[in-house]
Amino acid sequence: MRLTLQVGVQLDKQFLVHTAPVEWQFSLWIHFFDRLEVGEHFAYRAIAERFRACVVPLKVLTFQDYEAEELLKEYLLYLEEKEILVEISSCNYRLKRKMKWRQHSQIFS
């Protein structure tokens, strides 16, 4: 199986979690995004619950666990830029199109 183009994306806030990008993004894709139909709506709290289940936040005295969700917010913005989803109202999204399969065997972009 080849991963989608949007799995394995390096983001600026990745330092907030121990979990590798390919792991948590694949988990979101297989357990959340791939189950949605195009045009279906979802709430931020639903994807945040899945995100919290698949990442290990960085444990530093100055960080709170909820701060790791900044990484999820950054990923959702990335997916908006790639026209995969759109925020239709505060914390509510709509899937615009399914994530595309890679056309070659490269794993990371």
N, C-alpha and C. Protein backbone atom coordinates (compact mmCIF):
# COMPACT_ATOMS: atom_id res chain seq x y z
N MET A 1 0.84 -1.17 0.00
CA MET A 1 0.00 0.00 0.00
C MET A 1 0.89 1.24 0.00
N ARG A 2 0.57 2.18 -0.83
CA ARG A 2 1.28 3.46 -0.85
C ARG A 2 0.49 4.48 -0.08
N LEU A 3 1.17 5.33 0.65
CA LEU A 3 0.52 6.35 1.45
C LEU A 3 0.01 7.48 0.58
N THR A 4 -0.93 8.25 1.12
CA THR A 4 -1.42 9.42 0.41
C THR A 4 -0.36 10.51 0.44
N LEU A 5 -0.52 11.50 -0.39
CA LEU A 5 0.42 12.62 -0.44
C LEU A 5 0.44 13.42 0.86
N GLN A 6 -0.65 13.35 1.62
CA GLN A 6 -0.77 14.16 2.82
C GLN A 6 -0.41 13.41 4.10
N VAL A 7 0.25 12.28 3.98
CA VAL A 7 0.72 11.52 5.15
C VAL A 7 2.24 11.52 5.14
N GLY A 8 2.82 11.94 6.27
CA GLY A 8 4.28 12.03 6.36
C GLY A 8 4.75 13.46 6.18
N VAL A 9 3.85 14.41 6.29
CA VAL A 9 4.16 15.83 6.09
C VAL A 9 4.87 16.37 7.33
N GLN A 10 6.02 16.98 7.14
CA GLN A 10 6.76 17.62 8.23
C GLN A 10 6.16 19.01 8.47
N LEU A 11 5.78 19.29 9.71
CA LEU A 11 5.19 20.57 10.06
C LEU A 11 6.04 21.26 11.12
N ASP A 12 5.95 22.58 11.18
CA ASP A 12 6.77 23.35 12.12
C ASP A 12 6.56 22.98 13.58
N LYS A 13 5.35 22.63 13.96
CA LYS A 13 5.05 22.34 15.36
C LYS A 13 5.21 20.87 15.72
N GLN A 14 5.86 20.09 14.87
CA GLN A 14 6.08 18.68 15.13
C GLN A 14 6.84 18.45 16.43
N PHE A 15 7.63 19.41 16.86
CA PHE A 15 8.41 19.28 18.09
C PHE A 15 7.53 19.11 19.33
N LEU A 16 6.23 19.35 19.22
CA LEU A 16 5.33 19.25 20.36
C LEU A 16 4.97 17.82 20.74
N VAL A 17 5.30 16.86 19.85
CA VAL A 17 4.96 15.46 20.13
C VAL A 17 6.14 14.55 19.81
N HIS A 18 6.17 13.40 20.47
CA HIS A 18 7.18 12.38 20.19
C HIS A 18 6.83 11.56 18.95
N THR A 19 5.55 11.42 18.66
CA THR A 19 5.07 10.55 17.59
C THR A 19 5.49 11.09 16.23
N ALA A 20 6.05 10.23 15.40
CA ALA A 20 6.52 10.62 14.07
C ALA A 20 5.33 11.07 13.20
N PRO A 21 5.56 12.04 12.30
CA PRO A 21 4.49 12.53 11.44
C PRO A 21 3.78 11.43 10.65
N VAL A 22 4.55 10.49 10.13
CA VAL A 22 3.93 9.43 9.33
C VAL A 22 2.99 8.58 10.19
N GLU A 23 3.30 8.41 11.47
CA GLU A 23 2.46 7.60 12.36
C GLU A 23 1.14 8.28 12.67
N TRP A 24 1.20 9.53 13.18
CA TRP A 24 -0.05 10.16 13.60
C TRP A 24 -0.89 10.60 12.41
N GLN A 25 -0.26 11.00 11.31
CA GLN A 25 -1.04 11.39 10.14
C GLN A 25 -1.69 10.17 9.48
N PHE A 26 -0.99 9.03 9.46
CA PHE A 26 -1.59 7.81 8.94
C PHE A 26 -2.77 7.39 9.80
N SER A 27 -2.61 7.49 11.12
CA SER A 27 -3.70 7.14 12.02
C SER A 27 -4.93 8.02 11.78
N LEU A 28 -4.71 9.32 11.62
CA LEU A 28 -5.83 10.23 11.31
C LEU A 28 -6.48 9.86 9.98
N TRP A 29 -5.64 9.53 9.01
CA TRP A 29 -6.17 9.20 7.68
C TRP A 29 -6.99 7.92 7.72
N ILE A 30 -6.42 6.85 8.25
CA ILE A 30 -7.07 5.54 8.19
C ILE A 30 -8.28 5.45 9.13
N HIS A 31 -8.21 6.11 10.30
CA HIS A 31 -9.28 6.01 11.29
C HIS A 31 -10.26 7.16 11.25
N PHE A 32 -9.98 8.19 10.43
CA PHE A 32 -10.88 9.35 10.42
C PHE A 32 -11.20 9.81 9.01
N PHE A 33 -10.21 10.38 8.31
CA PHE A 33 -10.48 10.97 6.99
C PHE A 33 -10.99 9.97 5.96
N ASP A 34 -10.41 8.78 5.94
CA ASP A 34 -10.80 7.79 4.94
C ASP A 34 -12.22 7.28 5.15
N ARG A 35 -12.77 7.47 6.33
CA ARG A 35 -14.14 7.03 6.63
C ARG A 35 -15.18 8.08 6.26
N LEU A 36 -14.73 9.29 5.93
CA LEU A 36 -15.64 10.36 5.54
C LEU A 36 -15.94 10.30 4.05
N GLU A 37 -17.13 10.69 3.69
CA GLU A 37 -17.50 10.86 2.29
C GLU A 37 -17.25 12.31 1.90
N VAL A 38 -16.97 12.55 0.64
CA VAL A 38 -16.79 13.92 0.15
C VAL A 38 -18.06 14.71 0.46
N GLY A 39 -17.88 15.89 1.01
CA GLY A 39 -19.00 16.74 1.38
C GLY A 39 -19.46 16.57 2.82
N GLU A 40 -18.98 15.51 3.48
CA GLU A 40 -19.38 15.26 4.86
C GLU A 40 -18.72 16.26 5.80
N HIS A 41 -19.45 16.65 6.84
CA HIS A 41 -18.96 17.61 7.83
C HIS A 41 -18.42 16.88 9.05
N PHE A 42 -17.49 17.53 9.75
CA PHE A 42 -17.00 17.00 11.01
C PHE A 42 -16.58 18.15 11.91
N ALA A 43 -16.64 17.90 13.20
CA ALA A 43 -16.27 18.91 14.20
C ALA A 43 -14.82 18.72 14.62
N TYR A 44 -14.20 19.81 14.98
CA TYR A 44 -12.81 19.76 15.45
C TYR A 44 -12.67 18.79 16.62
N ARG A 45 -13.61 18.80 17.54
CA ARG A 45 -13.51 17.94 18.72
C ARG A 45 -13.43 16.46 18.34
N ALA A 46 -14.07 16.06 17.23
CA ALA A 46 -14.03 14.66 16.79
C ALA A 46 -12.63 14.27 16.32
N ILE A 47 -12.01 15.12 15.52
CA ILE A 47 -10.67 14.80 15.04
C ILE A 47 -9.64 15.00 16.15
N ALA A 48 -9.89 15.94 17.06
CA ALA A 48 -8.97 16.15 18.18
C ALA A 48 -8.95 14.92 19.09
N GLU A 49 -10.08 14.28 19.25
CA GLU A 49 -10.14 13.06 20.06
C GLU A 49 -9.27 11.97 19.44
N ARG A 50 -9.36 11.80 18.13
CA ARG A 50 -8.54 10.80 17.42
C ARG A 50 -7.07 11.18 17.51
N PHE A 51 -6.76 12.47 17.36
CA PHE A 51 -5.39 12.97 17.44
C PHE A 51 -4.78 12.66 18.81
N ARG A 52 -5.52 12.95 19.87
CA ARG A 52 -5.02 12.69 21.23
C ARG A 52 -4.77 11.20 21.45
N ALA A 53 -5.53 10.35 20.78
CA ALA A 53 -5.37 8.90 20.93
C ALA A 53 -4.13 8.37 20.21
N CYS A 54 -3.62 9.12 19.25
CA CYS A 54 -2.51 8.59 18.44
C CYS A 54 -1.19 9.33 18.59
N VAL A 55 -1.13 10.34 19.45
CA VAL A 55 0.15 11.04 19.65
C VAL A 55 0.58 10.96 21.11
N VAL A 56 1.88 11.06 21.29
CA VAL A 56 2.46 11.15 22.62
C VAL A 56 3.04 12.56 22.74
N PRO A 57 2.37 13.42 23.54
CA PRO A 57 2.87 14.80 23.67
C PRO A 57 4.25 14.84 24.32
N LEU A 58 5.02 15.83 23.96
CA LEU A 58 6.32 16.06 24.57
C LEU A 58 6.09 16.49 26.02
N LYS A 59 6.76 15.84 26.94
CA LYS A 59 6.61 16.16 28.36
C LYS A 59 7.74 17.10 28.78
N VAL A 60 7.41 18.37 28.83
CA VAL A 60 8.35 19.39 29.26
C VAL A 60 7.60 20.26 30.27
N LEU A 61 8.27 20.71 31.29
CA LEU A 61 7.60 21.49 32.33
C LEU A 61 6.84 22.69 31.79
N THR A 62 7.33 23.29 30.73
CA THR A 62 6.68 24.49 30.21
C THR A 62 5.52 24.19 29.26
N PHE A 63 5.31 22.93 28.88
CA PHE A 63 4.23 22.55 27.96
C PHE A 63 3.11 21.84 28.71
N GLN A 64 1.91 22.16 28.34
CA GLN A 64 0.74 21.41 28.80
C GLN A 64 0.35 20.44 27.69
N ASP A 65 -0.29 19.31 28.03
CA ASP A 65 -0.67 18.31 27.02
C ASP A 65 -1.51 18.90 25.89
N TYR A 66 -2.41 19.81 26.22
CA TYR A 66 -3.30 20.38 25.20
C TYR A 66 -2.53 21.19 24.15
N GLU A 67 -1.32 21.63 24.48
CA GLU A 67 -0.54 22.41 23.52
C GLU A 67 -0.13 21.58 22.30
N ALA A 68 -0.09 20.26 22.45
CA ALA A 68 0.23 19.39 21.32
C ALA A 68 -0.81 19.54 20.21
N GLU A 69 -2.03 19.95 20.56
CA GLU A 69 -3.07 20.13 19.55
C GLU A 69 -2.77 21.28 18.58
N GLU A 70 -1.81 22.11 18.92
CA GLU A 70 -1.38 23.14 17.96
C GLU A 70 -0.86 22.48 16.69
N LEU A 71 -0.26 21.31 16.84
CA LEU A 71 0.22 20.54 15.69
C LEU A 71 -0.96 20.09 14.83
N LEU A 72 -2.02 19.63 15.45
CA LEU A 72 -3.23 19.23 14.71
C LEU A 72 -3.80 20.43 13.97
N LYS A 73 -3.88 21.57 14.61
CA LYS A 73 -4.40 22.77 13.96
C LYS A 73 -3.55 23.14 12.74
N GLU A 74 -2.24 23.01 12.88
CA GLU A 74 -1.34 23.29 11.76
C GLU A 74 -1.60 22.31 10.62
N TYR A 75 -1.84 21.04 10.94
CA TYR A 75 -2.12 20.02 9.92
C TYR A 75 -3.45 20.31 9.22
N LEU A 76 -4.46 20.71 9.97
CA LEU A 76 -5.75 21.05 9.36
C LEU A 76 -5.59 22.24 8.41
N LEU A 77 -4.78 23.22 8.78
CA LEU A 77 -4.51 24.35 7.88
C LEU A 77 -3.80 23.87 6.61
N TYR A 78 -2.86 22.96 6.77
CA TYR A 78 -2.16 22.38 5.62
C TYR A 78 -3.17 21.69 4.69
N LEU A 79 -4.07 20.92 5.27
CA LEU A 79 -5.08 20.22 4.45
C LEU A 79 -6.03 21.20 3.78
N GLU A 80 -6.30 22.33 4.41
CA GLU A 80 -7.10 23.38 3.76
C GLU A 80 -6.35 23.96 2.57
N GLU A 81 -5.06 24.22 2.75
CA GLU A 81 -4.24 24.75 1.66
C GLU A 81 -4.20 23.79 0.47
N LYS A 82 -4.22 22.50 0.74
CA LYS A 82 -4.19 21.47 -0.30
C LYS A 82 -5.59 21.16 -0.83
N GLU A 83 -6.58 21.91 -0.35
CA GLU A 83 -7.98 21.80 -0.78
C GLU A 83 -8.57 20.41 -0.54
N ILE A 84 -8.15 19.80 0.58
CA ILE A 84 -8.71 18.53 1.02
C ILE A 84 -9.96 18.80 1.85
N LEU A 85 -9.90 19.84 2.67
CA LEU A 85 -11.04 20.21 3.50
C LEU A 85 -11.17 21.71 3.58
N VAL A 86 -12.28 22.15 4.13
CA VAL A 86 -12.51 23.58 4.32
C VAL A 86 -13.20 23.77 5.66
N GLU A 87 -12.79 24.82 6.38
CA GLU A 87 -13.45 25.15 7.63
C GLU A 87 -14.71 25.93 7.27
N ILE A 88 -15.87 25.39 7.62
CA ILE A 88 -17.13 26.03 7.23
C ILE A 88 -17.65 26.98 8.30
N SER A 89 -17.26 26.77 9.54
CA SER A 89 -17.54 27.68 10.65
C SER A 89 -16.51 27.36 11.73
N SER A 90 -16.53 28.12 12.78
CA SER A 90 -15.53 27.92 13.82
C SER A 90 -15.54 26.47 14.32
N CYS A 91 -14.43 25.78 14.09
CA CYS A 91 -14.21 24.40 14.54
C CYS A 91 -15.10 23.37 13.85
N ASN A 92 -15.64 23.69 12.70
CA ASN A 92 -16.42 22.75 11.90
C ASN A 92 -15.88 22.74 10.48
N TYR A 93 -15.69 21.54 9.95
CA TYR A 93 -15.03 21.37 8.66
C TYR A 93 -15.89 20.53 7.72
N ARG A 94 -15.57 20.61 6.44
CA ARG A 94 -16.22 19.79 5.42
C ARG A 94 -15.13 19.20 4.55
N LEU A 95 -15.21 17.89 4.30
CA LEU A 95 -14.26 17.23 3.41
C LEU A 95 -14.58 17.60 1.97
N LYS A 96 -13.63 18.23 1.27
CA LYS A 96 -13.84 18.64 -0.11
C LYS A 96 -13.52 17.52 -1.09
N ARG A 97 -12.47 16.75 -0.77
CA ARG A 97 -12.09 15.65 -1.65
C ARG A 97 -11.25 14.66 -0.85
N LYS A 98 -11.22 13.44 -1.35
CA LYS A 98 -10.42 12.41 -0.70
C LYS A 98 -8.94 12.69 -0.95
N MET A 99 -8.11 12.22 -0.05
CA MET A 99 -6.67 12.36 -0.22
C MET A 99 -6.21 11.46 -1.36
N LYS A 100 -5.29 11.96 -2.17
CA LYS A 100 -4.81 11.23 -3.34
C LYS A 100 -3.72 10.24 -2.97
N TRP A 101 -3.70 9.13 -3.69
CA TRP A 101 -2.63 8.14 -3.54
C TRP A 101 -1.38 8.64 -4.24
N ARG A 102 -0.26 8.28 -3.72
CA ARG A 102 1.02 8.62 -4.35
C ARG A 102 1.12 7.91 -5.70
N GLN A 103 1.73 8.58 -6.66
CA GLN A 103 1.89 8.02 -8.00
C GLN A 103 3.20 7.27 -8.16
N HIS A 104 4.08 7.34 -7.18
CA HIS A 104 5.37 6.66 -7.24
C HIS A 104 5.67 6.07 -5.88
N SER A 105 6.74 5.38 -5.74
CA SER A 105 7.03 4.64 -4.51
C SER A 105 7.71 5.47 -3.42
N GLN A 106 7.91 6.76 -3.65
CA GLN A 106 8.53 7.60 -2.63
C GLN A 106 7.62 7.66 -1.41
N ILE A 107 8.17 7.45 -0.22
CA ILE A 107 7.36 7.44 1.00
C ILE A 107 7.22 8.82 1.61
N PHE A 108 8.27 9.58 1.65
CA PHE A 108 8.22 10.90 2.28
C PHE A 108 8.41 11.98 1.22
N SER A 109 7.68 13.09 1.41
CA SER A 109 7.84 14.21 0.48
C SER A 109 8.68 15.29 1.08
